[in-house]
Amino acid sequence: MVEAERIIQGEISRERRYYISSLSGQAKQLGRAVRSHWGIENSLHWVLDVDFGEDQSRKRKNHAAENFAMLCRLAVNLIKQEKTARRSVKGRRLKACWDEDYLVRVLTSMPLPG
C-alpha cells in the first residue's frame, strides 16, 4: 500500500494505492518502482491526450478505439526515438506531416544522407 499526498493550489488531497509486487518490502525500493511506473504512465497518457486528442476520440464501433490507440502508441514511440529534430512530440509529428523525408526518417529510424 502506498499513501500519496499532494498539494494543488493550497488544497491537500490524499489517496491510498495498492500494488502487488515481487519486490522485497523495502520502502525506498518500492517508492522508486511506484514513482517510475507513474512517471512513464503519466508521460505517455499526457502525450496521447494532449498531442493526439485520445480522450476526445469518438471511435466506438467494433475494435476501432483499441486499434487506433495501438497505432497512436506506435506513433508516439517512433516519434520519441527520432532525435534529430529538436522539437516536442507534437512538433515532430507536425514536421512528419509536412516533410516527407522526415516522415521516412521517423518510420525507418534512419538518418537522411547529406
C-alpha atoms as a PDB file:
ATOM      1  CA  MET A   1       0.000   0.000   0.000  1.00  0.00           C
ATOM      2  CA  VAL A   2       1.213   3.491  -0.837  1.00  0.00           C
ATOM      3  CA  GLU A   3      -0.270   6.583   0.736  1.00  0.00           C
ATOM      4  CA  ALA A   4       0.095   9.537  -1.617  1.00  0.00           C
ATOM      5  CA  GLU A   5      -0.350  13.164  -0.676  1.00  0.00           C
ATOM      6  CA  ARG A   6      -0.238  16.157  -2.982  1.00  0.00           C
ATOM      7  CA  ILE A   7      -0.973  19.842  -2.685  1.00  0.00           C
ATOM      8  CA  ILE A   8      -2.598  21.649  -5.588  1.00  0.00           C
ATOM      9  CA  GLN A   9      -3.330  25.355  -5.184  1.00  0.00           C
ATOM     10  CA  GLY A  10      -3.143  25.010  -1.412  1.00  0.00           C
ATOM     11  CA  GLU A  11      -5.588  22.101  -1.260  1.00  0.00           C
ATOM     12  CA  ILE A  12      -4.305  18.786   0.102  1.00  0.00           C
ATOM     13  CA  SER A  13      -5.519  15.527  -1.381  1.00  0.00           C
ATOM     14  CA  ARG A  14      -4.614  12.069  -0.108  1.00  0.00           C
ATOM     15  CA  GLU A  15      -5.202   8.661  -1.570  1.00  0.00           C
ATOM     16  CA  ARG A  16      -4.167   5.081  -0.982  1.00  0.00           C
ATOM     17  CA  ARG A  17      -2.971   2.870  -3.809  1.00  0.00           C
ATOM     18  CA  TYR A  18      -2.493  -0.860  -3.535  1.00  0.00           C
ATOM     19  CA  TYR A  19       0.081  -2.810  -5.532  1.00  0.00           C
ATOM     20  CA  ILE A  20       1.053  -6.428  -5.949  1.00  0.00           C
ATOM     21  CA  SER A  21       4.773  -6.889  -6.462  1.00  0.00           C
ATOM     22  CA  SER A  22       7.546  -9.435  -6.177  1.00  0.00           C
ATOM     23  CA  LEU A  23       9.907  -6.755  -4.797  1.00  0.00           C
ATOM     24  CA  SER A  24      11.033  -7.082  -1.213  1.00  0.00           C
ATOM     25  CA  GLY A  25       9.272  -4.831   1.274  1.00  0.00           C
ATOM     26  CA  GLN A  26      11.938  -2.101   1.431  1.00  0.00           C
ATOM     27  CA  ALA A  27      10.208   1.276   1.296  1.00  0.00           C
ATOM     28  CA  LYS A  28      12.856   3.089  -0.790  1.00  0.00           C
ATOM     29  CA  GLN A  29      12.906   0.378  -3.477  1.00  0.00           C
ATOM     30  CA  LEU A  30       9.100   0.210  -3.610  1.00  0.00           C
ATOM     31  CA  GLY A  31       8.845   4.006  -3.718  1.00  0.00           C
ATOM     32  CA  ARG A  32      11.227   4.195  -6.682  1.00  0.00           C
ATOM     33  CA  ALA A  33       9.278   1.498  -8.520  1.00  0.00           C
ATOM     34  CA  VAL A  34       5.941   3.266  -7.953  1.00  0.00           C
ATOM     35  CA  ARG A  35       7.294   6.698  -8.982  1.00  0.00           C
ATOM     36  CA  SER A  36       8.945   5.203 -12.056  1.00  0.00           C
ATOM     37  CA  HIS A  37       5.719   3.468 -13.091  1.00  0.00           C
ATOM     38  CA  TRP A  38       3.614   6.597 -12.693  1.00  0.00           C
ATOM     39  CA  GLY A  39       6.205   8.792 -14.420  1.00  0.00           C
ATOM     40  CA  ILE A  40       6.092   6.586 -17.511  1.00  0.00           C
ATOM     41  CA  GLU A  41       2.325   6.195 -17.329  1.00  0.00           C
ATOM     42  CA  ASN A  42       1.664   9.927 -16.935  1.00  0.00           C
ATOM     43  CA  SER A  43       4.116  10.867 -19.665  1.00  0.00           C
ATOM     44  CA  LEU A  44       2.576   8.521 -22.224  1.00  0.00           C
ATOM     45  CA  HIS A  45      -1.041   9.334 -21.372  1.00  0.00           C
ATOM     46  CA  TRP A  46      -0.377  13.062 -21.350  1.00  0.00           C
ATOM     47  CA  VAL A  47       1.121  12.878 -24.852  1.00  0.00           C
ATOM     48  CA  LEU A  48      -1.710  10.678 -26.114  1.00  0.00           C
ATOM     49  CA  ASP A  49      -4.335  13.009 -24.682  1.00  0.00           C
ATOM     50  CA  VAL A  50      -2.795  16.399 -25.456  1.00  0.00           C
ATOM     51  CA  ASP A  51      -0.988  15.704 -28.736  1.00  0.00           C
ATOM     52  CA  PHE A  52      -3.277  13.005 -30.138  1.00  0.00           C
ATOM     53  CA  GLY A  53      -6.592  14.033 -28.519  1.00  0.00           C
ATOM     54  CA  GLU A  54      -7.248  10.481 -27.344  1.00  0.00           C
ATOM     55  CA  ASP A  55      -9.719  11.472 -24.622  1.00  0.00           C
ATOM     56  CA  GLN A  56     -11.830  13.335 -27.192  1.00  0.00           C
ATOM     57  CA  SER A  57     -11.951  10.389 -29.576  1.00  0.00           C
ATOM     58  CA  ARG A  58     -15.414   9.339 -30.767  1.00  0.00           C
ATOM     59  CA  LYS A  59     -14.304   5.944 -32.076  1.00  0.00           C
ATOM     60  CA  ARG A  60     -16.719   3.411 -30.644  1.00  0.00           C
ATOM     61  CA  LYS A  61     -17.560   0.854 -33.329  1.00  0.00           C
ATOM     62  CA  ASN A  62     -16.168  -2.684 -33.100  1.00  0.00           C
ATOM     63  CA  HIS A  63     -12.444  -2.568 -32.277  1.00  0.00           C
ATOM     64  CA  ALA A  64     -11.768   0.898 -33.725  1.00  0.00           C
ATOM     65  CA  ALA A  65     -10.845   2.545 -30.408  1.00  0.00           C
ATOM     66  CA  GLU A  66      -8.490  -0.268 -29.424  1.00  0.00           C
ATOM     67  CA  ASN A  67      -6.849  -0.393 -32.860  1.00  0.00           C
ATOM     68  CA  PHE A  68      -6.433   3.363 -33.079  1.00  0.00           C
ATOM     69  CA  ALA A  69      -4.972   3.503 -29.545  1.00  0.00           C
ATOM     70  CA  MET A  70      -2.367   0.925 -30.567  1.00  0.00           C
ATOM     71  CA  LEU A  71      -1.459   2.955 -33.668  1.00  0.00           C
ATOM     72  CA  CYS A  72      -1.150   6.136 -31.583  1.00  0.00           C
ATOM     73  CA  ARG A  73       1.187   4.402 -29.126  1.00  0.00           C
ATOM     74  CA  LEU A  74       3.265   3.110 -32.033  1.00  0.00           C
ATOM     75  CA  ALA A  75       3.436   6.629 -33.476  1.00  0.00           C
ATOM     76  CA  VAL A  76       4.488   8.114 -30.108  1.00  0.00           C
ATOM     77  CA  ASN A  77       7.256   5.527 -29.746  1.00  0.00           C
ATOM     78  CA  LEU A  78       8.559   6.122 -33.286  1.00  0.00           C
ATOM     79  CA  ILE A  79       8.457   9.907 -32.852  1.00  0.00           C
ATOM     80  CA  LYS A  80      10.242   9.747 -29.486  1.00  0.00           C
ATOM     81  CA  GLN A  81      13.015   7.583 -30.980  1.00  0.00           C
ATOM     82  CA  GLU A  82      13.743  10.145 -33.709  1.00  0.00           C
ATOM     83  CA  LYS A  83      16.069  12.674 -32.048  1.00  0.00           C
ATOM     84  CA  THR A  84      17.437  14.805 -34.913  1.00  0.00           C
ATOM     85  CA  ALA A  85      14.621  17.360 -34.814  1.00  0.00           C
ATOM     86  CA  ARG A  86      14.841  19.305 -31.562  1.00  0.00           C
ATOM     87  CA  ARG A  87      11.089  19.675 -31.131  1.00  0.00           C
ATOM     88  CA  SER A  88       8.307  18.434 -28.916  1.00  0.00           C
ATOM     89  CA  VAL A  89       6.405  15.273 -29.808  1.00  0.00           C
ATOM     90  CA  LYS A  90       3.695  17.460 -31.318  1.00  0.00           C
ATOM     91  CA  GLY A  91       6.284  19.441 -33.280  1.00  0.00           C
ATOM     92  CA  ARG A  92       7.916  16.275 -34.627  1.00  0.00           C
ATOM     93  CA  ARG A  93       4.504  14.901 -35.575  1.00  0.00           C
ATOM     94  CA  LEU A  94       3.685  18.080 -37.491  1.00  0.00           C
ATOM     95  CA  LYS A  95       7.107  18.052 -39.164  1.00  0.00           C
ATOM     96  CA  ALA A  96       6.452  14.468 -40.286  1.00  0.00           C
ATOM     97  CA  CYS A  97       3.176  15.668 -41.862  1.00  0.00           C
ATOM     98  CA  TRP A  98       4.878  18.480 -43.765  1.00  0.00           C
ATOM     99  CA  ASP A  99       8.197  16.887 -44.670  1.00  0.00           C
ATOM    100  CA  GLU A 100       8.061  13.516 -46.406  1.00  0.00           C
ATOM    101  CA  ASP A 101      11.807  12.925 -45.962  1.00  0.00           C
ATOM    102  CA  TYR A 102      11.443  13.457 -42.221  1.00  0.00           C
ATOM    103  CA  LEU A 103       8.439  11.097 -42.159  1.00  0.00           C
ATOM    104  CA  VAL A 104      10.582   8.405 -43.780  1.00  0.00           C
ATOM    105  CA  ARG A 105      13.273   9.041 -41.161  1.00  0.00           C
ATOM    106  CA  VAL A 106      10.722   8.628 -38.355  1.00  0.00           C
ATOM    107  CA  LEU A 107       9.297   5.447 -39.850  1.00  0.00           C
ATOM    108  CA  THR A 108      12.627   3.833 -40.624  1.00  0.00           C
ATOM    109  CA  SER A 109      14.742   5.349 -37.818  1.00  0.00           C
ATOM    110  CA  MET A 110      17.462   6.031 -40.391  1.00  0.00           C
ATOM    111  CA  PRO A 111      19.304   9.351 -40.781  1.00  0.00           C
ATOM    112  CA  LEU A 112      18.950  11.142 -44.101  1.00  0.00           C
ATOM    113  CA  PRO A 113      22.021  11.466 -46.336  1.00  0.00           C
ATOM    114  CA  GLY A 114      23.771  14.821 -46.544  1.00  0.00           C
END
